[in-house]
C-alpha atoms as a PDB file:
ATOM      1  CA  MET A   1      18.122-150.425 150.652  1.00  0.00           C
ATOM      2  CA  LYS A   2      14.890-151.910 152.038  1.00  0.00           C
ATOM      3  CA  ALA A   3      15.501-154.765 154.483  1.00  0.00           C
ATOM      4  CA  THR A   4      12.828-156.966 152.890  1.00  0.00           C
ATOM      5  CA  SER A   5      14.341-156.557 149.426  1.00  0.00           C
ATOM      6  CA  LEU A   6      17.831-157.296 150.707  1.00  0.00           C
ATOM      7  CA  ASN A   7      16.632-160.376 152.565  1.00  0.00           C
ATOM      8  CA  GLU A   8      14.910-161.624 149.409  1.00  0.00           C
ATOM      9  CA  MET A   9      18.174-161.179 147.502  1.00  0.00           C
ATOM     10  CA  LEU A  10      20.085-163.131 150.176  1.00  0.00           C
ATOM     11  CA  GLU A  11      17.653-166.030 149.727  1.00  0.00           C
ATOM     12  CA  LYS A  12      18.630-166.196 146.047  1.00  0.00           C
ATOM     13  CA  SER A  13      22.167-164.957 146.406  1.00  0.00           C
ATOM     14  CA  ASP A  14      23.568-166.748 143.360  1.00  0.00           C
ATOM     15  CA  ILE A  15      20.901-166.347 140.661  1.00  0.00           C
ATOM     16  CA  LEU A  16      23.027-163.856 138.727  1.00  0.00           C
ATOM     17  CA  GLU A  17      26.081-166.106 138.945  1.00  0.00           C
ATOM     18  CA  ARG A  18      24.201-168.770 137.019  1.00  0.00           C
ATOM     19  CA  LEU A  19      24.264-166.538 133.933  1.00  0.00           C
ATOM     20  CA  ASP A  20      27.221-166.515 131.552  1.00  0.00           C
ATOM     21  CA  ILE A  21      27.591-162.768 131.068  1.00  0.00           C
ATOM     22  CA  THR A  22      30.099-161.223 128.662  1.00  0.00           C
ATOM     23  CA  ILE A  23      29.775-157.580 127.717  1.00  0.00           C
ATOM     24  CA  PRO A  24      31.526-155.917 124.779  1.00  0.00           C
ATOM     25  CA  TRP A  25      31.995-152.225 125.520  1.00  0.00           C
ATOM     26  CA  GLY A  26      34.062-150.119 123.178  1.00  0.00           C
ATOM     27  CA  HIS A  27      37.311-152.011 122.642  1.00  0.00           C
ATOM     28  CA  TYR A  28      36.959-153.929 125.905  1.00  0.00           C
ATOM     29  CA  GLU A  29      35.369-157.201 126.885  1.00  0.00           C
ATOM     30  CA  ILE A  30      33.940-157.436 130.390  1.00  0.00           C
ATOM     31  CA  ARG A  31      33.428-160.972 131.643  1.00  0.00           C
ATOM     32  CA  VAL A  32      31.392-161.343 134.823  1.00  0.00           C
ATOM     33  CA  LEU A  33      32.988-163.981 137.049  1.00  0.00           C
ATOM     34  CA  ARG A  34      30.920-163.497 140.197  1.00  0.00           C
ATOM     35  CA  PHE A  35      27.820-161.389 140.843  1.00  0.00           C
ATOM     36  CA  HIS A  36      26.302-162.061 144.237  1.00  0.00           C
ATOM     37  CA  VAL A  37      25.270-160.872 147.692  1.00  0.00           C
ATOM     38  CA  ILE A  38      26.744-162.346 150.874  1.00  0.00           C
ATOM     39  CA  SER A  39      26.228-161.834 154.583  1.00  0.00           C
ATOM     40  CA  PHE A  40      28.991-161.749 157.212  1.00  0.00           C
ATOM     41  CA  ALA A  41      27.763-162.863 160.616  1.00  0.00           C
ATOM     42  CA  ALA A  42      28.785-160.623 163.516  1.00  0.00           C
ATOM     43  CA  GLY A  43      32.512-160.998 164.094  1.00  0.00           C
ATOM     44  CA  LYS A  44      33.082-163.103 160.984  1.00  0.00           C
ATOM     45  CA  SER A  45      36.245-162.366 159.002  1.00  0.00           C
ATOM     46  CA  ILE A  46      37.875-163.412 155.761  1.00  0.00           C
ATOM     47  CA  ASP A  47      41.643-163.609 155.969  1.00  0.00           C
ATOM     48  CA  PHE A  48      43.991-161.788 153.582  1.00  0.00           C
ATOM     49  CA  HIS A  49      43.506-162.803 149.971  1.00  0.00           C
ATOM     50  CA  ASN A  50      43.600-161.308 146.487  1.00  0.00           C
ATOM     51  CA  HIS A  51      42.024-161.896 143.096  1.00  0.00           C
ATOM     52  CA  ALA A  52      43.263-161.798 139.529  1.00  0.00           C
ATOM     53  CA  GLU A  53      40.251-159.652 138.567  1.00  0.00           C
ATOM     54  CA  TYR A  54      38.530-156.476 139.702  1.00  0.00           C
ATOM     55  CA  GLU A  55      36.125-156.899 142.629  1.00  0.00           C
ATOM     56  CA  PHE A  56      33.569-154.225 143.524  1.00  0.00           C
ATOM     57  CA  HIS A  57      32.446-154.392 147.168  1.00  0.00           C
ATOM     58  CA  PHE A  58      29.305-152.546 148.328  1.00  0.00           C
ATOM     59  CA  ILE A  59      27.889-152.442 151.868  1.00  0.00           C
ATOM     60  CA  PRO A  60      24.063-152.213 151.769  1.00  0.00           C
ATOM     61  CA  ARG A  61      23.682-152.985 155.476  1.00  0.00           C
ATOM     62  CA  GLY A  62      25.738-153.386 158.646  1.00  0.00           C
ATOM     63  CA  LYS A  63      29.217-152.396 159.781  1.00  0.00           C
ATOM     64  CA  GLY A  64      32.719-153.808 159.672  1.00  0.00           C
ATOM     65  CA  LYS A  65      36.209-153.095 158.493  1.00  0.00           C
ATOM     66  CA  VAL A  66      38.515-153.814 155.602  1.00  0.00           C
ATOM     67  CA  ILE A  67      42.291-153.840 155.437  1.00  0.00           C
ATOM     68  CA  LEU A  68      43.606-152.843 152.030  1.00  0.00           C
ATOM     69  CA  GLY A  69      47.296-153.575 151.756  1.00  0.00           C
ATOM     70  CA  ASP A  70      48.483-152.517 155.205  1.00  0.00           C
ATOM     71  CA  GLN A  71      45.853-149.872 156.009  1.00  0.00           C
ATOM     72  CA  ALA A  72      42.602-150.524 157.926  1.00  0.00           C
ATOM     73  CA  PHE A  73      39.316-148.716 157.179  1.00  0.00           C
ATOM     74  CA  SER A  74      35.924-148.750 158.881  1.00  0.00           C
ATOM     75  CA  LEU A  75      32.949-149.790 156.779  1.00  0.00           C
ATOM     76  CA  SER A  76      29.295-148.861 157.224  1.00  0.00           C
ATOM     77  CA  GLU A  77      26.052-148.927 155.285  1.00  0.00           C
ATOM     78  CA  GLY A  78      26.248-147.068 151.969  1.00  0.00           C
ATOM     79  CA  MET A  79      30.012-147.451 151.439  1.00  0.00           C
ATOM     80  CA  PHE A  80      31.986-149.312 148.802  1.00  0.00           C
ATOM     81  CA  TYR A  81      35.543-150.028 147.746  1.00  0.00           C
ATOM     82  CA  LEU A  82      37.320-151.595 144.810  1.00  0.00           C
ATOM     83  CA  THR A  83      40.080-154.190 144.855  1.00  0.00           C
ATOM     84  CA  GLY A  84      42.021-154.603 141.657  1.00  0.00           C
ATOM     85  CA  PRO A  85      44.143-157.510 140.466  1.00  0.00           C
ATOM     86  CA  GLY A  86      46.691-158.545 143.096  1.00  0.00           C
ATOM     87  CA  VAL A  87      45.420-156.241 145.874  1.00  0.00           C
ATOM     88  CA  MET A  88      45.619-158.028 149.239  1.00  0.00           C
ATOM     89  CA  HIS A  89      42.607-157.386 151.457  1.00  0.00           C
ATOM     90  CA  TYR A  90      41.036-158.569 154.694  1.00  0.00           C
ATOM     91  CA  GLN A  91      37.356-158.253 155.611  1.00  0.00           C
ATOM     92  CA  GLU A  92      35.596-158.432 158.949  1.00  0.00           C
ATOM     93  CA  ALA A  93      32.101-157.726 160.266  1.00  0.00           C
ATOM     94  CA  GLU A  94      31.747-155.777 163.492  1.00  0.00           C
ATOM     95  CA  ALA A  95      31.817-157.932 166.629  1.00  0.00           C
ATOM     96  CA  LYS A  96      28.168-157.279 167.501  1.00  0.00           C
ATOM     97  CA  GLU A  97      26.651-156.510 164.102  1.00  0.00           C
ATOM     98  CA  ALA A  98      26.407-158.478 160.881  1.00  0.00           C
ATOM     99  CA  MET A  99      27.486-156.941 157.564  1.00  0.00           C
ATOM    100  CA  ASP A 100      26.068-157.605 154.104  1.00  0.00           C
ATOM    101  CA  GLU A 101      28.014-157.101 150.914  1.00  0.00           C
ATOM    102  CA  PHE A 102      27.208-156.918 147.219  1.00  0.00           C
ATOM    103  CA  CYS A 103      30.100-158.268 145.159  1.00  0.00           C
ATOM    104  CA  LEU A 104      30.822-157.979 141.470  1.00  0.00           C
ATOM    105  CA  HIS A 105      33.918-159.696 140.074  1.00  0.00           C
ATOM    106  CA  VAL A 106      34.814-158.806 136.496  1.00  0.00           C
ATOM    107  CA  ASP A 107      37.674-159.720 134.227  1.00  0.00           C
ATOM    108  CA  ILE A 108      38.392-156.904 131.766  1.00  0.00           C
ATOM    109  CA  THR A 109      40.421-157.456 128.609  1.00  0.00           C
ATOM    110  CA  TYR A 110      41.227-155.202 125.673  1.00  0.00           C
ATOM    111  CA  LYS A 111      39.743-156.458 122.399  1.00  0.00           C
ATOM    112  CA  PHE A 112      39.827-154.236 119.351  1.00  0.00           C
ATOM    113  CA  ARG A 113      36.596-154.235 117.346  1.00  0.00           C
ATOM    114  CA  SER A 114      36.094-152.467 114.045  1.00  0.00           C
ATOM    115  CA  GLY A 115      33.144-150.200 113.435  1.00  0.00           C
ATOM    116  CA  ILE A 116      32.720-149.147 117.068  1.00  0.00           C
ATOM    117  CA  ASP A 117      31.059-145.836 117.874  1.00  0.00           C
ATOM    118  CA  PRO A 118      34.087-143.606 118.570  1.00  0.00           C
ATOM    119  CA  PHE A 119      32.356-141.925 121.510  1.00  0.00           C
ATOM    120  CA  GLU A 120      31.588-145.273 123.135  1.00  0.00           C
ATOM    121  CA  ALA A 121      35.202-146.327 122.564  1.00  0.00           C
ATOM    122  CA  ALA A 122      36.501-143.125 124.137  1.00  0.00           C
ATOM    123  CA  GLU A 123      34.192-143.335 127.150  1.00  0.00           C
ATOM    124  CA  SER A 124      34.978-146.974 127.854  1.00  0.00           C
ATOM    125  CA  LYS A 125      38.691-146.249 127.613  1.00  0.00           C
ATOM    126  CA  GLU A 126      38.384-143.331 130.020  1.00  0.00           C
ATOM    127  CA  CYS A 127      36.440-145.467 132.497  1.00  0.00           C
ATOM    128  CA  MET A 128      38.975-148.323 132.381  1.00  0.00           C
ATOM    129  CA  GLU A 129      41.911-145.959 132.831  1.00  0.00           C
ATOM    130  CA  LYS A 130      40.284-144.391 135.880  1.00  0.00           C
ATOM    131  CA  LEU A 131      39.370-147.787 137.336  1.00  0.00           C
ATOM    132  CA  SER A 132      43.021-148.773 137.241  1.00  0.00           C
ATOM    133  CA  GLN A 133      43.927-145.619 139.175  1.00  0.00           C
ATOM    134  CA  LEU A 134      41.255-145.634 141.917  1.00  0.00           C
ATOM    135  CA  PRO A 135      42.728-145.209 145.400  1.00  0.00           C
ATOM    136  CA  LEU A 136      42.645-148.082 147.892  1.00  0.00           C
ATOM    137  CA  VAL A 137      40.276-146.158 150.137  1.00  0.00           C
ATOM    138  CA  PRO A 138      36.567-146.915 150.724  1.00  0.00           C
ATOM    139  CA  THR A 139      34.103-144.145 149.882  1.00  0.00           C
ATOM    140  CA  TYR A 140      30.368-143.602 149.867  1.00  0.00           C
ATOM    141  CA  ASP A 141      28.220-144.895 147.026  1.00  0.00           C
ATOM    142  CA  SER A 142      27.294-141.343 146.078  1.00  0.00           C
ATOM    143  CA  HIS A 143      25.934-142.344 142.651  1.00  0.00           C
ATOM    144  CA  GLN A 144      23.774-145.251 143.858  1.00  0.00           C
ATOM    145  CA  ALA A 145      25.585-148.101 142.136  1.00  0.00           C
ATOM    146  CA  MET A 146      23.926-150.425 144.663  1.00  0.00           C
ATOM    147  CA  ASP A 147      20.600-149.757 142.958  1.00  0.00           C
ATOM    148  CA  CYS A 148      22.072-151.469 139.896  1.00  0.00           C
ATOM    149  CA  PHE A 149      22.515-154.676 141.904  1.00  0.00           C
ATOM    150  CA  MET A 150      18.888-154.473 143.013  1.00  0.00           C
ATOM    151  CA  GLU A 151      17.660-153.910 139.449  1.00  0.00           C
ATOM    152  CA  ALA A 152      19.776-156.774 138.093  1.00  0.00           C
ATOM    153  CA  TYR A 153      18.433-159.180 140.719  1.00  0.00           C
ATOM    154  CA  LYS A 154      14.859-158.012 140.170  1.00  0.00           C
ATOM    155  CA  VAL A 155      14.780-158.473 136.380  1.00  0.00           C
ATOM    156  CA  CYS A 156      16.661-161.774 136.603  1.00  0.00           C
ATOM    157  CA  ASP A 157      14.346-163.214 139.240  1.00  0.00           C
ATOM    158  CA  ALA A 158      11.228-162.123 137.333  1.00  0.00           C
ATOM    159  CA  LYS A 159      12.683-163.153 133.963  1.00  0.00           C
ATOM    160  CA  SER A 160      11.490-159.801 132.663  1.00  0.00           C
ATOM    161  CA  ILE A 161      11.583-159.249 128.918  1.00  0.00           C
ATOM    162  CA  GLY A 162      15.112-158.364 127.870  1.00  0.00           C
ATOM    163  CA  TYR A 163      16.507-159.211 131.317  1.00  0.00           C
ATOM    164  CA  TYR A 164      19.879-160.370 129.965  1.00  0.00           C
ATOM    165  CA  THR A 165      20.369-157.050 128.168  1.00  0.00           C
ATOM    166  CA  SER A 166      19.225-155.165 131.280  1.00  0.00           C
ATOM    167  CA  ILE A 167      21.739-157.018 133.464  1.00  0.00           C
ATOM    168  CA  ARG A 168      24.581-156.222 131.078  1.00  0.00           C
ATOM    169  CA  GLN A 169      23.593-152.552 131.187  1.00  0.00           C
ATOM    170  CA  GLN A 170      23.581-152.641 134.994  1.00  0.00           C
ATOM    171  CA  VAL A 171      27.129-154.052 135.039  1.00  0.00           C
ATOM    172  CA  ILE A 172      28.414-151.148 132.930  1.00  0.00           C
ATOM    173  CA  SER A 173      26.507-148.746 135.183  1.00  0.00           C
ATOM    174  CA  ILE A 174      28.218-150.198 138.255  1.00  0.00           C
ATOM    175  CA  LEU A 175      31.617-149.561 136.686  1.00  0.00           C
ATOM    176  CA  LEU A 176      30.734-146.004 135.692  1.00  0.00           C
ATOM    177  CA  LYS A 177      29.091-145.091 138.997  1.00  0.00           C
ATOM    178  CA  SER A 178      32.034-146.504 140.924  1.00  0.00           C
ATOM    179  CA  VAL A 179      34.419-144.267 138.985  1.00  0.00           C
ATOM    180  CA  ARG A 180      32.142-141.251 139.457  1.00  0.00           C
ATOM    181  CA  ALA A 181      32.129-141.726 143.233  1.00  0.00           C
ATOM    182  CA  TYR A 182      35.858-140.960 143.297  1.00  0.00           C
ATOM    183  CA  ASP A 183      36.147-138.681 140.303  1.00  0.00           C
ATOM    184  CA  THR A 184      36.261-134.911 140.779  1.00  0.00           C
ATOM    185  CA  GLY A 185      37.931-133.957 137.519  1.00  0.00           C
ATOM    186  CA  LYS A 186      36.408-132.776 134.284  1.00  0.00           C
ATOM    187  CA  VAL A 187      34.970-135.179 131.755  1.00  0.00           C
ATOM    188  CA  GLY A 188      37.651-136.163 129.302  1.00  0.00           C
ATOM    189  CA  THR A 189      35.294-137.330 126.581  1.00  0.00           C
ATOM    190  CA  GLU A 190      32.473-135.067 125.477  1.00  0.00           C
ATOM    191  CA  ALA A 191      29.337-136.769 124.153  1.00  0.00           C
ATOM    192  CA  PRO A 192      28.370-135.938 120.547  1.00  0.00           C
ATOM    193  CA  SER A 193      26.199-132.832 120.271  1.00  0.00           C
ATOM    194  CA  ARG A 194      23.612-131.955 117.639  1.00  0.00           C
ATOM    195  CA  ASP A 195      23.344-129.061 115.258  1.00  0.00           C
ATOM    196  CA  MET A 196      20.002-128.003 116.722  1.00  0.00           C
ATOM    197  CA  THR A 197      18.874-126.103 113.621  1.00  0.00           C
ATOM    198  CA  THR A 198      19.339-129.172 111.426  1.00  0.00           C
ATOM    199  CA  HIS A 199      17.845-131.448 114.076  1.00  0.00           C
ATOM    200  CA  ARG A 200      14.752-129.268 114.459  1.00  0.00           C
ATOM    201  CA  TYR A 201      14.297-129.035 110.699  1.00  0.00           C
ATOM    202  CA  GLN A 202      14.531-132.800 110.261  1.00  0.00           C
ATOM    203  CA  TYR A 203      12.181-133.450 113.170  1.00  0.00           C
ATOM    204  CA  ALA A 204       9.684-130.908 111.825  1.00  0.00           C
ATOM    205  CA  LEU A 205       9.763-132.624 108.404  1.00  0.00           C
ATOM    206  CA  GLN A 206       9.223-135.998 110.046  1.00  0.00           C
ATOM    207  CA  TYR A 207       6.303-134.664 112.053  1.00  0.00           C
ATOM    208  CA  ILE A 208       4.737-133.000 109.004  1.00  0.00           C
ATOM    209  CA  GLU A 209       5.060-136.187 106.946  1.00  0.00           C
ATOM    210  CA  ALA A 210       3.303-138.150 109.696  1.00  0.00           C
ATOM    211  CA  ASN A 211       0.490-135.598 110.160  1.00  0.00           C
ATOM    212  CA  TYR A 212       0.146-133.700 106.865  1.00  0.00           C
ATOM    213  CA  SER A 213      -3.517-134.658 106.410  1.00  0.00           C
ATOM    214  CA  ALA A 214      -4.445-132.962 109.702  1.00  0.00           C
ATOM    215  CA  ASN A 215      -4.985-129.241 110.211  1.00  0.00           C
ATOM    216  CA  LEU A 216      -1.275-128.494 110.633  1.00  0.00           C
ATOM    217  CA  THR A 217      -0.041-124.981 111.332  1.00  0.00           C
ATOM    218  CA  LEU A 218       3.356-123.471 111.911  1.00  0.00           C
ATOM    219  CA  GLU A 219       2.291-122.809 115.506  1.00  0.00           C
ATOM    220  CA  ASN A 220       1.335-126.372 116.458  1.00  0.00           C
ATOM    221  CA  VAL A 221       4.446-127.881 114.856  1.00  0.00           C
ATOM    222  CA  ALA A 222       6.580-125.334 116.730  1.00  0.00           C
ATOM    223  CA  GLU A 223       4.800-126.318 119.937  1.00  0.00           C
ATOM    224  CA  LYS A 224       5.873-129.948 119.415  1.00  0.00           C
ATOM    225  CA  LEU A 225       9.472-128.749 119.230  1.00  0.00           C
ATOM    226  CA  ASN A 226       9.015-126.510 122.269  1.00  0.00           C
ATOM    227  CA  ILE A 227      10.069-123.408 120.349  1.00  0.00           C
ATOM    228  CA  SER A 228       8.217-120.338 119.085  1.00  0.00           C
ATOM    229  CA  SER A 229       6.643-120.192 115.624  1.00  0.00           C
ATOM    230  CA  ARG A 230       9.087-117.413 114.737  1.00  0.00           C
ATOM    231  CA  GLN A 231      12.021-119.654 115.679  1.00  0.00           C
ATOM    232  CA  LEU A 232      10.630-122.477 113.555  1.00  0.00           C
ATOM    233  CA  GLN A 233      10.169-120.171 110.589  1.00  0.00           C
ATOM    234  CA  ARG A 234      13.839-119.162 110.922  1.00  0.00           C
ATOM    235  CA  VAL A 235      14.774-122.860 111.005  1.00  0.00           C
ATOM    236  CA  PHE A 236      13.000-123.403 107.663  1.00  0.00           C
ATOM    237  CA  ASN A 237      14.485-120.255 106.118  1.00  0.00           C
ATOM    238  CA  TYR A 238      17.991-121.257 107.204  1.00  0.00           C
ATOM    239  CA  SER A 239      17.691-124.878 106.044  1.00  0.00           C
ATOM    240  CA  ASP A 240      16.153-124.110 102.640  1.00  0.00           C
ATOM    241  CA  PRO A 241      15.405-120.457 101.799  1.00  0.00           C
ATOM    242  CA  GLN A 242      13.297-121.582  98.817  1.00  0.00           C
ATOM    243  CA  LYS A 243      10.916-123.640 100.955  1.00  0.00           C
ATOM    244  CA  SER A 244       8.942-122.052 103.745  1.00  0.00           C
ATOM    245  CA  PHE A 245       6.882-124.112 106.176  1.00  0.00           C
ATOM    246  CA  SER A 246       3.727-123.656 104.096  1.00  0.00           C
ATOM    247  CA  ARG A 247       5.550-124.641 100.901  1.00  0.00           C
ATOM    248  CA  VAL A 248       6.962-127.799 102.492  1.00  0.00           C
ATOM    249  CA  LEU A 249       3.536-128.774 103.835  1.00  0.00           C
ATOM    250  CA  GLU A 250       1.971-128.099 100.454  1.00  0.00           C
ATOM    251  CA  ASP A 251       4.566-130.197  98.598  1.00  0.00           C
ATOM    252  CA  ILE A 252       4.095-133.152 100.955  1.00  0.00           C
ATOM    253  CA  ARG A 253       0.320-132.988 100.531  1.00  0.00           C
ATOM    254  CA  ILE A 254       0.602-132.772  96.732  1.00  0.00           C
ATOM    255  CA  GLN A 255       2.867-135.851  96.703  1.00  0.00           C
ATOM    256  CA  ALA A 256       0.238-137.723  98.697  1.00  0.00           C
ATOM    257  CA  VAL A 257      -2.484-136.555  96.288  1.00  0.00           C
ATOM    258  CA  CYS A 258      -0.452-137.826  93.334  1.00  0.00           C
ATOM    259  CA  ARG A 259      -0.174-141.262  94.929  1.00  0.00           C
ATOM    260  CA  LYS A 260      -3.925-141.396  95.530  1.00  0.00           C
ATOM    261  CA  LEU A 261      -4.691-140.269  91.973  1.00  0.00           C
ATOM    262  CA  VAL A 262      -2.615-143.104  90.553  1.00  0.00           C
ATOM    263  CA  GLU A 263      -3.267-145.878  93.085  1.00  0.00           C
ATOM    264  CA  THR A 264      -6.972-145.396  93.862  1.00  0.00           C
ATOM    265  CA  ASP A 265     -10.240-144.564  92.152  1.00  0.00           C
ATOM    266  CA  MET A 266     -11.267-142.074  94.836  1.00  0.00           C
ATOM    267  CA  SER A 267     -12.946-138.908  93.579  1.00  0.00           C
ATOM    268  CA  ILE A 268     -10.974-135.646  93.519  1.00  0.00           C
ATOM    269  CA  GLU A 269     -13.196-134.314  96.307  1.00  0.00           C
ATOM    270  CA  GLN A 270     -12.499-137.386  98.484  1.00  0.00           C
ATOM    271  CA  ILE A 271      -8.761-137.111  97.860  1.00  0.00           C
ATOM    272  CA  ALA A 272      -8.765-133.391  98.694  1.00  0.00           C
ATOM    273  CA  HIS A 273     -10.316-134.021 102.128  1.00  0.00           C
ATOM    274  CA  ALA A 274      -8.181-137.094 102.813  1.00  0.00           C
ATOM    275  CA  GLU A 275      -4.930-135.229 102.170  1.00  0.00           C
ATOM    276  CA  GLY A 276      -5.564-132.053 104.141  1.00  0.00           C
ATOM    277  CA  PHE A 277      -7.153-129.715 101.555  1.00  0.00           C
ATOM    278  CA  SER A 278     -10.333-127.890 102.508  1.00  0.00           C
ATOM    279  CA  ASN A 279     -12.065-128.705  99.213  1.00  0.00           C
ATOM    280  CA  SER A 280     -11.414-129.844  95.638  1.00  0.00           C
ATOM    281  CA  SER A 281     -11.431-126.279  94.294  1.00  0.00           C
ATOM    282  CA  TYR A 282      -8.505-125.302  96.523  1.00  0.00           C
ATOM    283  CA  LEU A 283      -6.701-128.545  95.621  1.00  0.00           C
ATOM    284  CA  HIS A 284      -7.262-127.741  91.933  1.00  0.00           C
ATOM    285  CA  VAL A 285      -5.551-124.331  92.307  1.00  0.00           C
ATOM    286  CA  VAL A 286      -2.582-125.658  94.267  1.00  0.00           C
ATOM    287  CA  PHE A 287      -2.153-128.737  92.111  1.00  0.00           C
ATOM    288  CA  ARG A 288      -2.213-126.761  88.853  1.00  0.00           C
ATOM    289  CA  LYS A 289       0.379-124.325  90.227  1.00  0.00           C
ATOM    290  CA  CYS A 290       2.625-127.185  91.290  1.00  0.00           C
ATOM    291  CA  LYS A 291       2.185-129.687  88.456  1.00  0.00           C
ATOM    292  CA  GLY A 292       1.055-127.475  85.546  1.00  0.00           C
ATOM    293  CA  MET A 293      -2.149-129.470  85.063  1.00  0.00           C
ATOM    294  CA  THR A 294      -5.338-130.358  86.905  1.00  0.00           C
ATOM    295  CA  PRO A 295      -5.617-133.425  89.153  1.00  0.00           C
ATOM    296  CA  ALA A 296      -7.943-135.076  86.639  1.00  0.00           C
ATOM    297  CA  ALA A 297      -5.490-134.476  83.783  1.00  0.00           C
ATOM    298  CA  TYR A 298      -2.660-135.901  85.918  1.00  0.00           C
ATOM    299  CA  ARG A 299      -4.686-139.047  86.618  1.00  0.00           C
ATOM    300  CA  ARG A 300      -5.525-139.526  82.912  1.00  0.00           C
ATOM    301  CA  ALA A 301      -1.883-139.030  81.900  1.00  0.00           C
ATOM    302  CA  LYS A 302      -0.707-141.624  84.405  1.00  0.00           C
ATOM    303  CA  GLN A 303      -3.388-144.098  83.357  1.00  0.00           C
ATOM    304  CA  ILE A 304      -2.346-143.792  79.715  1.00  0.00           C
ATOM    305  CA  LYS A 305       1.281-144.501  80.655  1.00  0.00           C
END
């Protein structure tokens, strides 16, 4: 943590506390009660006390000690500890060195909400369960939760676009990174994974639809997906054996031609070039094969209707 940045935060130590921040996460509601940075002068102490909420304590600079329950621990730059509801604790800066502390106080309540992403619900539940079981022992901020304080202060002070949303995201990150600092077990909730064949097929279709009038090839679409052209061809064969890459591209171009024939008075030659065909003769061949009539006949039929 840069000294200048920390000193700037100390000058505006309560700007985040001025915000009324409530964060729905899964089936939980996180209400931020305090969100600030404080400085303990050398030798300063705070006598035993407890809170009804969770308090996250981070040490960005200095040294000191904390007594959690009846056990004393040394504190130094880069460490943090958590005190849960009802946990008695005592804090003290070293006799000859000041100690700064980032503090986040949150009240967490269970609130069922319908329609929640099940993976978000599972992850938030796992995080809350682990928070309630964290040991009363300081550890190092191995996942850089302190950076979240810095980011929250920065966007709030600058009133950056979306700063309220950014601050709420930083609060959730502090909770998650605090749990990760202690956690050595396996992840209980696996994030949703994609069927990569389906995903690649859908992305390829989306890319073709956005660029069909250009000189598209199987190779340059495959390159966008970071796979080989042979892999992409297999993706198309697996997803729809009746429609190869070239057939899909052709169908999309013909659909675009049909729209132009009906909605504009452009010539057939102009339409052919606009929709990715080399010339009107080639468009004529493809269109007749697909629609059973020439482009001109299609236009006349639509005009009559």
